[in-house]
Amino acid sequence: MKTFEVKKEITIWVIMLLPIIYLFMVWNKMPEIVPTHFGIDGTPNDWSHRSVLIYLVGGMTLGMYLIFLIIPVIDPKDKIKAMGNKYFKLKFVLMLAMALLATLVVHAALTGSIGGNTIFLIAGGMFLFLGNYMQTVKPNYFIGIRTPWTLENETVWSKTHRLAGRLYFIAGLVIIILSFVVKNALTYIFVPLILSATIVPVVYSYILFRKVKKEVNGAS
């Protein structure tokens, strides 16, 4: 299956251009020195000349896009190519999320504010998508919970990704709900929530692998 089709890629190229277009639309309205980094509470903590935004915004989208182009080429077992449209779906959603974040960076530089709960809504939406997506991913070297134990055993891979998908979905849902209900709480629980959703499947994959290995050895 193809992982690169020009007609499909055009939609991603348009998405990549939107933050750049927005940047040049508001360029003359920006001060020379703008905030370019914010703490998790939304407070600016680093400033640069506005010209830095050209490289920052362009690098955010172009850098990720190049990674998506390279992965199918260097995949030793062509598992990514076998994903076909499923790989494009992942690329499209993550590139859209990155373009939205890049646009948010420009807006934050213009206004001096990160934009309230917008960044949490983007993150929450991305985790909702990944929660569903992770449960459909087949074993490969680049996408998913790639531990020595999931890569060693397909059953471990499948069950680990089923758990990870549920945890990611719950994390995304919690983030979105809290961003509307108790926004300030997210500055304290966002990182622990994401870390938990990421670390728990890794630990689970090890425990499950040991269990499966023990059952195989016992059967033999």
C-alpha atoms as a PDB file:
ATOM      1  CA  MET A   1       0.000   0.000   0.000  1.00  0.00           C
ATOM      2  CA  LYS A   2       1.090   3.580  -0.656  1.00  0.00           C
ATOM      3  CA  THR A   3       1.849   5.934   2.225  1.00  0.00           C
ATOM      4  CA  PHE A   4       2.259   8.943  -0.067  1.00  0.00           C
ATOM      5  CA  GLU A   5      -0.419  10.069  -2.524  1.00  0.00           C
ATOM      6  CA  VAL A   6      -0.162  13.601  -3.884  1.00  0.00           C
ATOM      7  CA  LYS A   7      -3.915  14.248  -3.861  1.00  0.00           C
ATOM      8  CA  LYS A   8      -4.106  13.404  -0.162  1.00  0.00           C
ATOM      9  CA  GLU A   9      -0.866  15.179   0.707  1.00  0.00           C
ATOM     10  CA  ILE A  10      -2.173  18.453  -0.736  1.00  0.00           C
ATOM     11  CA  THR A  11      -4.620  18.704   2.172  1.00  0.00           C
ATOM     12  CA  ILE A  12      -1.724  18.411   4.612  1.00  0.00           C
ATOM     13  CA  TRP A  13       0.349  20.977   2.690  1.00  0.00           C
ATOM     14  CA  VAL A  14      -2.557  23.434   2.950  1.00  0.00           C
ATOM     15  CA  ILE A  15      -2.830  22.776   6.690  1.00  0.00           C
ATOM     16  CA  MET A  16       0.916  23.364   7.060  1.00  0.00           C
ATOM     17  CA  LEU A  17       0.668  26.716   5.282  1.00  0.00           C
ATOM     18  CA  LEU A  18      -2.132  28.130   7.425  1.00  0.00           C
ATOM     19  CA  PRO A  19       0.049  29.108  10.443  1.00  0.00           C
ATOM     20  CA  ILE A  20       2.575  30.748   8.100  1.00  0.00           C
ATOM     21  CA  ILE A  21      -0.181  32.683   6.317  1.00  0.00           C
ATOM     22  CA  TYR A  22      -1.587  33.804   9.661  1.00  0.00           C
ATOM     23  CA  LEU A  23       1.883  34.883  10.811  1.00  0.00           C
ATOM     24  CA  PHE A  24       2.376  37.163   7.830  1.00  0.00           C
ATOM     25  CA  MET A  25      -1.156  38.533   8.110  1.00  0.00           C
ATOM     26  CA  VAL A  26      -0.450  39.809  11.645  1.00  0.00           C
ATOM     27  CA  TRP A  27       3.274  40.501  11.169  1.00  0.00           C
ATOM     28  CA  ASN A  28       2.989  44.296  11.149  1.00  0.00           C
ATOM     29  CA  LYS A  29       0.766  44.268  14.237  1.00  0.00           C
ATOM     30  CA  MET A  30       3.396  42.511  16.337  1.00  0.00           C
ATOM     31  CA  PRO A  31       5.965  44.257  18.521  1.00  0.00           C
ATOM     32  CA  GLU A  32       9.626  43.622  17.739  1.00  0.00           C
ATOM     33  CA  ILE A  33      10.053  41.497  20.859  1.00  0.00           C
ATOM     34  CA  VAL A  34       7.376  38.861  21.470  1.00  0.00           C
ATOM     35  CA  PRO A  35       6.818  36.024  23.969  1.00  0.00           C
ATOM     36  CA  THR A  36       7.897  32.707  22.453  1.00  0.00           C
ATOM     37  CA  HIS A  37       7.637  30.355  25.416  1.00  0.00           C
ATOM     38  CA  PHE A  38       5.019  29.929  28.114  1.00  0.00           C
ATOM     39  CA  GLY A  39       4.790  28.001  31.359  1.00  0.00           C
ATOM     40  CA  ILE A  40       2.080  25.401  31.838  1.00  0.00           C
ATOM     41  CA  ASP A  41       0.018  28.080  33.602  1.00  0.00           C
ATOM     42  CA  GLY A  42       0.111  30.219  30.445  1.00  0.00           C
ATOM     43  CA  THR A  43       2.533  32.832  31.786  1.00  0.00           C
ATOM     44  CA  PRO A  44       5.238  34.023  29.308  1.00  0.00           C
ATOM     45  CA  ASN A  45       8.737  33.062  30.469  1.00  0.00           C
ATOM     46  CA  ASP A  46      10.880  33.692  27.396  1.00  0.00           C
ATOM     47  CA  TRP A  47      10.951  36.388  24.700  1.00  0.00           C
ATOM     48  CA  SER A  48      12.605  36.662  21.284  1.00  0.00           C
ATOM     49  CA  HIS A  49      12.641  38.846  18.197  1.00  0.00           C
ATOM     50  CA  ARG A  50       9.540  38.249  16.113  1.00  0.00           C
ATOM     51  CA  SER A  51      11.671  36.904  13.235  1.00  0.00           C
ATOM     52  CA  VAL A  52      12.243  33.780  15.350  1.00  0.00           C
ATOM     53  CA  LEU A  53       8.582  32.924  14.806  1.00  0.00           C
ATOM     54  CA  ILE A  54       9.240  32.226  11.115  1.00  0.00           C
ATOM     55  CA  TYR A  55      11.625  29.408  12.005  1.00  0.00           C
ATOM     56  CA  LEU A  56       9.646  28.267  15.036  1.00  0.00           C
ATOM     57  CA  VAL A  57       6.295  28.018  13.291  1.00  0.00           C
ATOM     58  CA  GLY A  58       7.742  26.610  10.077  1.00  0.00           C
ATOM     59  CA  GLY A  59       9.900  24.138  11.991  1.00  0.00           C
ATOM     60  CA  MET A  60       6.997  22.816  14.058  1.00  0.00           C
ATOM     61  CA  THR A  61       4.997  21.709  11.043  1.00  0.00           C
ATOM     62  CA  LEU A  62       7.763  20.947   8.562  1.00  0.00           C
ATOM     63  CA  GLY A  63       9.806  19.007  11.125  1.00  0.00           C
ATOM     64  CA  MET A  64       6.942  16.662  11.970  1.00  0.00           C
ATOM     65  CA  TYR A  65       5.983  16.271   8.318  1.00  0.00           C
ATOM     66  CA  LEU A  66       9.518  15.215   7.403  1.00  0.00           C
ATOM     67  CA  ILE A  67       9.453  12.612  10.181  1.00  0.00           C
ATOM     68  CA  PHE A  68       6.254  11.175   8.714  1.00  0.00           C
ATOM     69  CA  LEU A  69       7.899  11.017   5.278  1.00  0.00           C
ATOM     70  CA  ILE A  70      11.057   9.341   6.545  1.00  0.00           C
ATOM     71  CA  ILE A  71       9.474   6.642   8.726  1.00  0.00           C
ATOM     72  CA  PRO A  72       8.057   4.483   5.875  1.00  0.00           C
ATOM     73  CA  VAL A  73      11.412   4.681   4.063  1.00  0.00           C
ATOM     74  CA  ILE A  74      13.527   3.449   6.987  1.00  0.00           C
ATOM     75  CA  ASP A  75      11.035   0.878   8.293  1.00  0.00           C
ATOM     76  CA  PRO A  76      12.984  -2.413   7.940  1.00  0.00           C
ATOM     77  CA  LYS A  77       9.898  -4.631   7.653  1.00  0.00           C
ATOM     78  CA  ASP A  78       7.613  -2.265   5.727  1.00  0.00           C
ATOM     79  CA  LYS A  79       4.963  -2.477   8.441  1.00  0.00           C
ATOM     80  CA  ILE A  80       4.185   1.223   8.024  1.00  0.00           C
ATOM     81  CA  LYS A  81       3.612   0.875   4.293  1.00  0.00           C
ATOM     82  CA  ALA A  82       1.210  -1.972   5.022  1.00  0.00           C
ATOM     83  CA  MET A  83      -0.863   0.436   7.128  1.00  0.00           C
ATOM     84  CA  GLY A  84      -1.768   2.442   4.014  1.00  0.00           C
ATOM     85  CA  ASN A  85      -4.639   4.842   4.674  1.00  0.00           C
ATOM     86  CA  LYS A  86      -4.429   4.218   8.424  1.00  0.00           C
ATOM     87  CA  TYR A  87      -0.973   5.813   8.419  1.00  0.00           C
ATOM     88  CA  PHE A  88      -2.263   8.814   6.463  1.00  0.00           C
ATOM     89  CA  LYS A  89      -5.066   9.237   9.002  1.00  0.00           C
ATOM     90  CA  LEU A  90      -2.528   9.445  11.821  1.00  0.00           C
ATOM     91  CA  LYS A  91      -0.389  11.856   9.824  1.00  0.00           C
ATOM     92  CA  PHE A  92      -3.357  14.069   8.994  1.00  0.00           C
ATOM     93  CA  VAL A  93      -4.624  14.344  12.587  1.00  0.00           C
ATOM     94  CA  LEU A  94      -1.210  14.956  14.138  1.00  0.00           C
ATOM     95  CA  MET A  95      -0.270  17.490  11.454  1.00  0.00           C
ATOM     96  CA  LEU A  96      -3.578  19.268  12.054  1.00  0.00           C
ATOM     97  CA  ALA A  97      -2.853  19.353  15.793  1.00  0.00           C
ATOM     98  CA  MET A  98       0.661  20.674  15.139  1.00  0.00           C
ATOM     99  CA  ALA A  99      -0.648  23.363  12.766  1.00  0.00           C
ATOM    100  CA  LEU A 100      -3.190  24.445  15.381  1.00  0.00           C
ATOM    101  CA  LEU A 101      -0.437  24.652  18.001  1.00  0.00           C
ATOM    102  CA  ALA A 102       1.739  26.648  15.586  1.00  0.00           C
ATOM    103  CA  THR A 103      -1.170  29.030  14.974  1.00  0.00           C
ATOM    104  CA  LEU A 104      -1.624  29.318  18.730  1.00  0.00           C
ATOM    105  CA  VAL A 105       2.050  30.236  19.081  1.00  0.00           C
ATOM    106  CA  VAL A 106       1.568  33.101  16.610  1.00  0.00           C
ATOM    107  CA  HIS A 107      -1.592  34.254  18.386  1.00  0.00           C
ATOM    108  CA  ALA A 108       0.169  34.108  21.759  1.00  0.00           C
ATOM    109  CA  ALA A 109       3.069  36.170  20.396  1.00  0.00           C
ATOM    110  CA  LEU A 110       0.586  38.729  19.096  1.00  0.00           C
ATOM    111  CA  THR A 111      -1.575  39.000  22.216  1.00  0.00           C
ATOM    112  CA  GLY A 112       0.846  37.973  24.962  1.00  0.00           C
ATOM    113  CA  SER A 113      -1.542  35.222  26.066  1.00  0.00           C
ATOM    114  CA  ILE A 114      -1.468  31.497  25.318  1.00  0.00           C
ATOM    115  CA  GLY A 115      -5.228  31.530  24.726  1.00  0.00           C
ATOM    116  CA  GLY A 116      -6.971  30.195  27.821  1.00  0.00           C
ATOM    117  CA  ASN A 117      -7.949  26.558  27.506  1.00  0.00           C
ATOM    118  CA  THR A 118      -7.230  26.267  23.779  1.00  0.00           C
ATOM    119  CA  ILE A 119      -3.998  24.323  24.180  1.00  0.00           C
ATOM    120  CA  PHE A 120      -5.720  21.849  26.510  1.00  0.00           C
ATOM    121  CA  LEU A 121      -8.576  21.379  24.048  1.00  0.00           C
ATOM    122  CA  ILE A 122      -6.085  20.570  21.283  1.00  0.00           C
ATOM    123  CA  ALA A 123      -4.218  18.142  23.535  1.00  0.00           C
ATOM    124  CA  GLY A 124      -7.443  16.548  24.744  1.00  0.00           C
ATOM    125  CA  GLY A 125      -8.730  16.107  21.205  1.00  0.00           C
ATOM    126  CA  MET A 126      -5.460  14.521  20.144  1.00  0.00           C
ATOM    127  CA  PHE A 127      -5.597  12.024  23.009  1.00  0.00           C
ATOM    128  CA  LEU A 128      -9.212  11.163  22.202  1.00  0.00           C
ATOM    129  CA  PHE A 129      -8.139  10.330  18.658  1.00  0.00           C
ATOM    130  CA  LEU A 130      -5.096   8.364  19.821  1.00  0.00           C
ATOM    131  CA  GLY A 131      -7.264   6.453  22.276  1.00  0.00           C
ATOM    132  CA  ASN A 132      -9.277   5.014  19.406  1.00  0.00           C
ATOM    133  CA  TYR A 133      -6.348   4.776  17.017  1.00  0.00           C
ATOM    134  CA  MET A 134      -3.993   2.889  19.356  1.00  0.00           C
ATOM    135  CA  GLN A 135      -6.364  -0.056  19.615  1.00  0.00           C
ATOM    136  CA  THR A 136      -6.138  -0.670  15.859  1.00  0.00           C
ATOM    137  CA  VAL A 137      -2.345  -0.438  15.436  1.00  0.00           C
ATOM    138  CA  LYS A 138      -0.528  -3.631  14.449  1.00  0.00           C
ATOM    139  CA  PRO A 139       3.002  -4.427  15.732  1.00  0.00           C
ATOM    140  CA  ASN A 140       5.655  -2.142  14.237  1.00  0.00           C
ATOM    141  CA  TYR A 141       8.846  -0.326  15.237  1.00  0.00           C
ATOM    142  CA  PHE A 142       7.601   3.280  15.095  1.00  0.00           C
ATOM    143  CA  ILE A 143       3.990   3.761  16.226  1.00  0.00           C
ATOM    144  CA  GLY A 144       2.468   2.701  19.520  1.00  0.00           C
ATOM    145  CA  ILE A 145       3.773   1.348  22.843  1.00  0.00           C
ATOM    146  CA  ARG A 146       7.031  -0.095  21.538  1.00  0.00           C
ATOM    147  CA  THR A 147       8.577  -1.880  24.508  1.00  0.00           C
ATOM    148  CA  PRO A 148      10.802  -4.981  24.277  1.00  0.00           C
ATOM    149  CA  TRP A 149       7.827  -6.994  25.534  1.00  0.00           C
ATOM    150  CA  THR A 150       5.172  -5.738  23.107  1.00  0.00           C
ATOM    151  CA  LEU A 151       7.556  -6.177  20.176  1.00  0.00           C
ATOM    152  CA  GLU A 152       8.387  -9.698  21.305  1.00  0.00           C
ATOM    153  CA  ASN A 153       4.839 -11.005  21.589  1.00  0.00           C
ATOM    154  CA  GLU A 154       1.799 -10.100  19.484  1.00  0.00           C
ATOM    155  CA  THR A 155      -0.651 -10.938  22.274  1.00  0.00           C
ATOM    156  CA  VAL A 156       1.189  -8.601  24.634  1.00  0.00           C
ATOM    157  CA  TRP A 157       1.153  -5.916  21.926  1.00  0.00           C
ATOM    158  CA  SER A 158      -2.592  -6.282  21.360  1.00  0.00           C
ATOM    159  CA  LYS A 159      -3.626  -6.259  25.034  1.00  0.00           C
ATOM    160  CA  THR A 160      -1.234  -3.443  25.914  1.00  0.00           C
ATOM    161  CA  HIS A 161      -2.600  -1.244  23.140  1.00  0.00           C
ATOM    162  CA  ARG A 162      -6.157  -2.038  24.142  1.00  0.00           C
ATOM    163  CA  LEU A 163      -5.378  -0.779  27.643  1.00  0.00           C
ATOM    164  CA  ALA A 164      -3.362   2.199  26.359  1.00  0.00           C
ATOM    165  CA  GLY A 165      -6.186   3.179  24.015  1.00  0.00           C
ATOM    166  CA  ARG A 166      -8.684   3.251  26.859  1.00  0.00           C
ATOM    167  CA  LEU A 167      -6.349   5.241  29.104  1.00  0.00           C
ATOM    168  CA  TYR A 168      -5.570   7.756  26.345  1.00  0.00           C
ATOM    169  CA  PHE A 169      -9.265   8.185  25.594  1.00  0.00           C
ATOM    170  CA  ILE A 170     -10.111   8.727  29.275  1.00  0.00           C
ATOM    171  CA  ALA A 171      -7.204  11.177  29.632  1.00  0.00           C
ATOM    172  CA  GLY A 172      -8.392  13.133  26.593  1.00  0.00           C
ATOM    173  CA  LEU A 173     -11.960  13.230  27.857  1.00  0.00           C
ATOM    174  CA  VAL A 174     -10.887  14.390  31.329  1.00  0.00           C
ATOM    175  CA  ILE A 175      -8.677  17.113  29.838  1.00  0.00           C
ATOM    176  CA  ILE A 176     -11.475  18.452  27.638  1.00  0.00           C
ATOM    177  CA  ILE A 177     -14.071  18.408  30.426  1.00  0.00           C
ATOM    178  CA  LEU A 178     -11.770  20.054  32.970  1.00  0.00           C
ATOM    179  CA  SER A 179     -10.728  22.705  30.460  1.00  0.00           C
ATOM    180  CA  PHE A 180     -14.327  23.954  30.596  1.00  0.00           C
ATOM    181  CA  VAL A 181     -15.182  23.181  34.214  1.00  0.00           C
ATOM    182  CA  VAL A 182     -12.074  23.824  36.325  1.00  0.00           C
ATOM    183  CA  LYS A 183      -9.467  25.099  33.910  1.00  0.00           C
ATOM    184  CA  ASN A 184      -6.933  26.073  36.584  1.00  0.00           C
ATOM    185  CA  ALA A 185      -6.786  22.505  37.880  1.00  0.00           C
ATOM    186  CA  LEU A 186      -5.301  21.361  34.579  1.00  0.00           C
ATOM    187  CA  THR A 187      -2.059  23.204  35.259  1.00  0.00           C
ATOM    188  CA  TYR A 188      -1.497  20.781  38.136  1.00  0.00           C
ATOM    189  CA  ILE A 189      -2.910  17.495  36.857  1.00  0.00           C
ATOM    190  CA  PHE A 190      -2.182  17.671  33.110  1.00  0.00           C
ATOM    191  CA  VAL A 191       1.354  16.292  33.259  1.00  0.00           C
ATOM    192  CA  PRO A 192       0.627  13.581  35.884  1.00  0.00           C
ATOM    193  CA  LEU A 193      -2.438  12.528  33.890  1.00  0.00           C
ATOM    194  CA  ILE A 194      -0.497  12.132  30.646  1.00  0.00           C
ATOM    195  CA  LEU A 195       2.415  10.413  32.379  1.00  0.00           C
ATOM    196  CA  SER A 196       0.050   7.932  34.007  1.00  0.00           C
ATOM    197  CA  ALA A 197      -1.638   7.135  30.692  1.00  0.00           C
ATOM    198  CA  THR A 198       1.807   6.541  29.175  1.00  0.00           C
ATOM    199  CA  ILE A 199       3.662   4.728  31.961  1.00  0.00           C
ATOM    200  CA  VAL A 200       0.894   2.341  33.047  1.00  0.00           C
ATOM    201  CA  PRO A 201       0.769   0.517  29.658  1.00  0.00           C
ATOM    202  CA  VAL A 202       4.571   0.151  29.685  1.00  0.00           C
ATOM    203  CA  VAL A 203       4.528  -1.477  33.125  1.00  0.00           C
ATOM    204  CA  TYR A 204       1.516  -3.563  32.119  1.00  0.00           C
ATOM    205  CA  SER A 205       3.330  -4.847  29.015  1.00  0.00           C
ATOM    206  CA  TYR A 206       6.178  -6.147  31.178  1.00  0.00           C
ATOM    207  CA  ILE A 207       3.862  -7.832  33.679  1.00  0.00           C
ATOM    208  CA  LEU A 208       1.767  -9.370  30.904  1.00  0.00           C
ATOM    209  CA  PHE A 209       4.849 -10.596  29.049  1.00  0.00           C
ATOM    210  CA  ARG A 210       6.131 -12.345  32.178  1.00  0.00           C
ATOM    211  CA  LYS A 211       2.715 -13.942  32.636  1.00  0.00           C
ATOM    212  CA  VAL A 212       2.512 -15.131  29.007  1.00  0.00           C
ATOM    213  CA  LYS A 213       6.085 -16.442  29.127  1.00  0.00           C
ATOM    214  CA  LYS A 214       5.348 -18.321  32.358  1.00  0.00           C
ATOM    215  CA  GLU A 215       2.248 -19.906  30.794  1.00  0.00           C
ATOM    216  CA  VAL A 216       4.209 -20.965  27.705  1.00  0.00           C
ATOM    217  CA  ASN A 217       7.015 -22.456  29.784  1.00  0.00           C
ATOM    218  CA  GLY A 218       4.495 -24.209  32.022  1.00  0.00           C
ATOM    219  CA  ALA A 219       2.710 -25.687  29.018  1.00  0.00           C
ATOM    220  CA  SER A 220       5.958 -27.017  27.587  1.00  0.00           C
END
